[in-house]
Amino acid sequence: MPRKSRIKGRAIYEQKLLGSDGAQGFVETLRFWSVKSNEYVAAIQKHAEAHSIEMTLEEHPSEPGEIYVVAEIEGS
């Protein structure tokens, strides 16, 4: 998890193609910092579950009151 002060953009998006030509599918990942709110966390967790998105929420002592969200989905 990068420190919030080191991030220059609002979100980090990454797409990896699986196999030499992407024929085995792909993995898409979205990472971003957010204010920690119980309502927001519940909403994004509900969305992730409904759409088979693997999501992790990380907290860091240097960023109190905020969470680092990593959402990942695999496709073919």
N, C-alpha and C. Protein backbone atom coordinates (compact mmCIF):
# COMPACT_ATOMS: atom_id res chain seq x y z
N MET A 1 0.84 -1.16 0.00
CA MET A 1 0.00 0.00 0.00
C MET A 1 0.90 1.23 0.00
N PRO A 2 0.78 2.07 -1.01
CA PRO A 2 1.58 3.30 -1.01
C PRO A 2 1.01 4.32 -0.02
N ARG A 3 1.88 5.13 0.53
CA ARG A 3 1.40 6.21 1.40
C ARG A 3 0.56 7.16 0.57
N LYS A 4 -0.50 7.66 1.17
CA LYS A 4 -1.41 8.56 0.46
C LYS A 4 -0.68 9.77 -0.12
N SER A 5 0.29 10.29 0.61
CA SER A 5 1.01 11.48 0.15
C SER A 5 1.85 11.22 -1.10
N ARG A 6 2.13 9.95 -1.41
CA ARG A 6 2.95 9.62 -2.58
C ARG A 6 2.11 9.40 -3.84
N ILE A 7 0.79 9.31 -3.69
CA ILE A 7 -0.07 9.05 -4.85
C ILE A 7 -0.38 10.36 -5.56
N LYS A 8 -0.19 10.37 -6.86
CA LYS A 8 -0.42 11.58 -7.65
C LYS A 8 -1.81 11.60 -8.30
N GLY A 9 -2.44 10.43 -8.45
CA GLY A 9 -3.76 10.36 -9.08
C GLY A 9 -4.82 9.98 -8.06
N ARG A 10 -6.05 9.93 -8.49
CA ARG A 10 -7.14 9.60 -7.59
C ARG A 10 -7.37 8.09 -7.49
N ALA A 11 -7.06 7.35 -8.54
CA ALA A 11 -7.25 5.90 -8.55
C ALA A 11 -6.15 5.27 -9.40
N ILE A 12 -5.83 4.04 -9.07
CA ILE A 12 -4.85 3.29 -9.85
C ILE A 12 -5.58 2.11 -10.47
N TYR A 13 -5.57 2.02 -11.80
CA TYR A 13 -6.23 0.94 -12.52
C TYR A 13 -5.15 0.11 -13.21
N GLU A 14 -5.31 -1.20 -13.14
CA GLU A 14 -4.35 -2.10 -13.79
C GLU A 14 -5.12 -3.24 -14.44
N GLN A 15 -4.70 -3.62 -15.64
CA GLN A 15 -5.28 -4.78 -16.32
C GLN A 15 -4.13 -5.69 -16.74
N LYS A 16 -4.24 -6.96 -16.35
CA LYS A 16 -3.25 -7.96 -16.74
C LYS A 16 -3.94 -8.97 -17.64
N LEU A 17 -3.34 -9.24 -18.79
CA LEU A 17 -3.84 -10.27 -19.68
C LEU A 17 -3.16 -11.58 -19.30
N LEU A 18 -3.94 -12.64 -19.24
CA LEU A 18 -3.41 -13.94 -18.85
C LEU A 18 -3.07 -14.76 -20.09
N GLY A 19 -1.90 -15.38 -20.06
CA GLY A 19 -1.43 -16.11 -21.24
C GLY A 19 -0.68 -15.17 -22.16
N SER A 20 0.01 -15.73 -23.12
CA SER A 20 0.83 -14.91 -24.00
C SER A 20 0.02 -13.95 -24.86
N ASP A 21 -1.22 -14.30 -25.16
CA ASP A 21 -2.05 -13.43 -26.01
C ASP A 21 -3.34 -12.99 -25.32
N GLY A 22 -3.44 -13.23 -24.03
CA GLY A 22 -4.64 -12.85 -23.29
C GLY A 22 -5.78 -13.84 -23.45
N ALA A 23 -5.54 -14.94 -24.14
CA ALA A 23 -6.61 -15.90 -24.41
C ALA A 23 -7.11 -16.59 -23.13
N GLN A 24 -6.29 -16.61 -22.08
CA GLN A 24 -6.72 -17.25 -20.83
C GLN A 24 -7.50 -16.30 -19.93
N GLY A 25 -7.77 -15.11 -20.38
CA GLY A 25 -8.56 -14.17 -19.61
C GLY A 25 -7.76 -12.95 -19.17
N PHE A 26 -8.29 -12.30 -18.13
CA PHE A 26 -7.67 -11.07 -17.64
C PHE A 26 -7.97 -10.90 -16.16
N VAL A 27 -7.21 -10.03 -15.53
CA VAL A 27 -7.44 -9.61 -14.15
C VAL A 27 -7.41 -8.09 -14.14
N GLU A 28 -8.47 -7.46 -13.64
CA GLU A 28 -8.52 -6.01 -13.53
C GLU A 28 -8.49 -5.65 -12.05
N THR A 29 -7.67 -4.65 -11.72
CA THR A 29 -7.52 -4.22 -10.34
C THR A 29 -7.68 -2.71 -10.25
N LEU A 30 -8.41 -2.27 -9.24
CA LEU A 30 -8.60 -0.85 -8.97
C LEU A 30 -8.18 -0.61 -7.52
N ARG A 31 -7.33 0.40 -7.30
CA ARG A 31 -6.85 0.74 -5.96
C ARG A 31 -7.08 2.23 -5.72
N PHE A 32 -7.53 2.56 -4.51
CA PHE A 32 -7.72 3.98 -4.18
C PHE A 32 -7.87 4.16 -2.68
N TRP A 33 -7.58 5.38 -2.21
CA TRP A 33 -7.80 5.77 -0.82
C TRP A 33 -9.20 6.33 -0.69
N SER A 34 -9.82 6.14 0.47
CA SER A 34 -11.15 6.66 0.71
C SER A 34 -11.29 7.00 2.19
N VAL A 35 -12.18 7.92 2.48
CA VAL A 35 -12.53 8.20 3.87
C VAL A 35 -13.23 6.97 4.43
N LYS A 36 -12.87 6.58 5.64
CA LYS A 36 -13.49 5.41 6.26
C LYS A 36 -14.86 5.80 6.81
N SER A 37 -15.88 5.23 6.21
CA SER A 37 -17.26 5.47 6.62
C SER A 37 -17.96 4.12 6.63
N ASN A 38 -18.63 3.81 7.72
CA ASN A 38 -19.33 2.52 7.81
C ASN A 38 -20.35 2.35 6.69
N GLU A 39 -21.07 3.41 6.35
CA GLU A 39 -22.08 3.34 5.30
C GLU A 39 -21.43 3.08 3.93
N TYR A 40 -20.33 3.77 3.66
CA TYR A 40 -19.64 3.61 2.39
C TYR A 40 -19.05 2.20 2.27
N VAL A 41 -18.41 1.75 3.34
CA VAL A 41 -17.81 0.41 3.34
C VAL A 41 -18.89 -0.64 3.10
N ALA A 42 -20.03 -0.52 3.77
CA ALA A 42 -21.12 -1.48 3.58
C ALA A 42 -21.61 -1.46 2.13
N ALA A 43 -21.72 -0.28 1.55
CA ALA A 43 -22.20 -0.17 0.17
C ALA A 43 -21.24 -0.80 -0.83
N ILE A 44 -19.93 -0.54 -0.68
CA ILE A 44 -18.99 -1.10 -1.66
C ILE A 44 -18.81 -2.60 -1.45
N GLN A 45 -18.93 -3.07 -0.21
CA GLN A 45 -18.86 -4.51 0.02
C GLN A 45 -20.06 -5.21 -0.60
N LYS A 46 -21.23 -4.62 -0.48
CA LYS A 46 -22.44 -5.18 -1.09
C LYS A 46 -22.29 -5.24 -2.61
N HIS A 47 -21.77 -4.16 -3.20
CA HIS A 47 -21.55 -4.12 -4.65
C HIS A 47 -20.55 -5.19 -5.07
N ALA A 48 -19.46 -5.31 -4.31
CA ALA A 48 -18.43 -6.30 -4.63
C ALA A 48 -19.00 -7.72 -4.60
N GLU A 49 -19.77 -8.02 -3.58
CA GLU A 49 -20.37 -9.36 -3.48
C GLU A 49 -21.34 -9.63 -4.63
N ALA A 50 -22.12 -8.65 -5.00
CA ALA A 50 -23.11 -8.82 -6.08
C ALA A 50 -22.46 -9.03 -7.44
N HIS A 51 -21.21 -8.56 -7.60
CA HIS A 51 -20.54 -8.63 -8.90
C HIS A 51 -19.28 -9.50 -8.89
N SER A 52 -19.16 -10.35 -7.87
CA SER A 52 -18.01 -11.28 -7.76
C SER A 52 -16.67 -10.56 -7.83
N ILE A 53 -16.59 -9.44 -7.14
CA ILE A 53 -15.36 -8.66 -7.08
C ILE A 53 -14.68 -8.97 -5.74
N GLU A 54 -13.40 -9.35 -5.83
CA GLU A 54 -12.63 -9.57 -4.61
C GLU A 54 -12.15 -8.22 -4.11
N MET A 55 -12.45 -7.93 -2.85
CA MET A 55 -12.10 -6.61 -2.35
C MET A 55 -11.43 -6.73 -0.99
N THR A 56 -10.38 -5.94 -0.80
CA THR A 56 -9.74 -5.85 0.50
C THR A 56 -9.69 -4.39 0.93
N LEU A 57 -9.83 -4.17 2.21
CA LEU A 57 -9.75 -2.84 2.79
C LEU A 57 -8.59 -2.85 3.77
N GLU A 58 -7.69 -1.90 3.61
CA GLU A 58 -6.52 -1.83 4.47
C GLU A 58 -6.49 -0.49 5.20
N GLU A 59 -6.05 -0.54 6.45
CA GLU A 59 -5.87 0.68 7.21
C GLU A 59 -4.39 0.82 7.55
N HIS A 60 -3.93 2.04 7.65
CA HIS A 60 -2.54 2.28 7.98
C HIS A 60 -2.49 3.36 9.06
N PRO A 61 -1.66 3.15 10.09
CA PRO A 61 -1.58 4.13 11.20
C PRO A 61 -1.25 5.55 10.75
N SER A 62 -0.55 5.71 9.64
CA SER A 62 -0.18 7.05 9.18
C SER A 62 -1.34 7.79 8.52
N GLU A 63 -2.44 7.08 8.25
CA GLU A 63 -3.61 7.69 7.59
C GLU A 63 -4.87 7.41 8.41
N PRO A 64 -4.99 7.97 9.61
CA PRO A 64 -6.16 7.70 10.45
C PRO A 64 -7.45 8.18 9.80
N GLY A 65 -8.50 7.38 9.94
CA GLY A 65 -9.80 7.75 9.39
C GLY A 65 -9.94 7.46 7.91
N GLU A 66 -8.95 6.81 7.30
CA GLU A 66 -9.01 6.51 5.88
C GLU A 66 -8.71 5.03 5.65
N ILE A 67 -9.16 4.53 4.51
CA ILE A 67 -8.90 3.15 4.12
C ILE A 67 -8.33 3.12 2.71
N TYR A 68 -7.56 2.09 2.45
CA TYR A 68 -7.02 1.84 1.11
C TYR A 68 -7.81 0.66 0.56
N VAL A 69 -8.49 0.87 -0.55
CA VAL A 69 -9.37 -0.13 -1.15
C VAL A 69 -8.67 -0.77 -2.34
N VAL A 70 -8.69 -2.10 -2.38
CA VAL A 70 -8.17 -2.84 -3.52
C VAL A 70 -9.29 -3.75 -3.99
N ALA A 71 -9.76 -3.52 -5.21
CA ALA A 71 -10.83 -4.32 -5.80
C ALA A 71 -10.28 -5.04 -7.03
N GLU A 72 -10.56 -6.34 -7.13
CA GLU A 72 -10.00 -7.14 -8.23
C GLU A 72 -11.06 -8.08 -8.78
N ILE A 73 -11.08 -8.20 -10.10
CA ILE A 73 -12.03 -9.10 -10.76
C ILE A 73 -11.30 -9.83 -11.88
N GLU A 74 -11.64 -11.10 -12.05
CA GLU A 74 -11.07 -11.91 -13.13
C GLU A 74 -12.15 -12.13 -14.17
N GLY A 75 -11.74 -12.17 -15.42
CA GLY A 75 -12.68 -12.41 -16.51
C GLY A 75 -12.04 -13.24 -17.61
N SER A 76 -12.88 -13.61 -18.55
CA SER A 76 -12.37 -14.40 -19.68
C SER A 76 -12.70 -13.75 -21.00
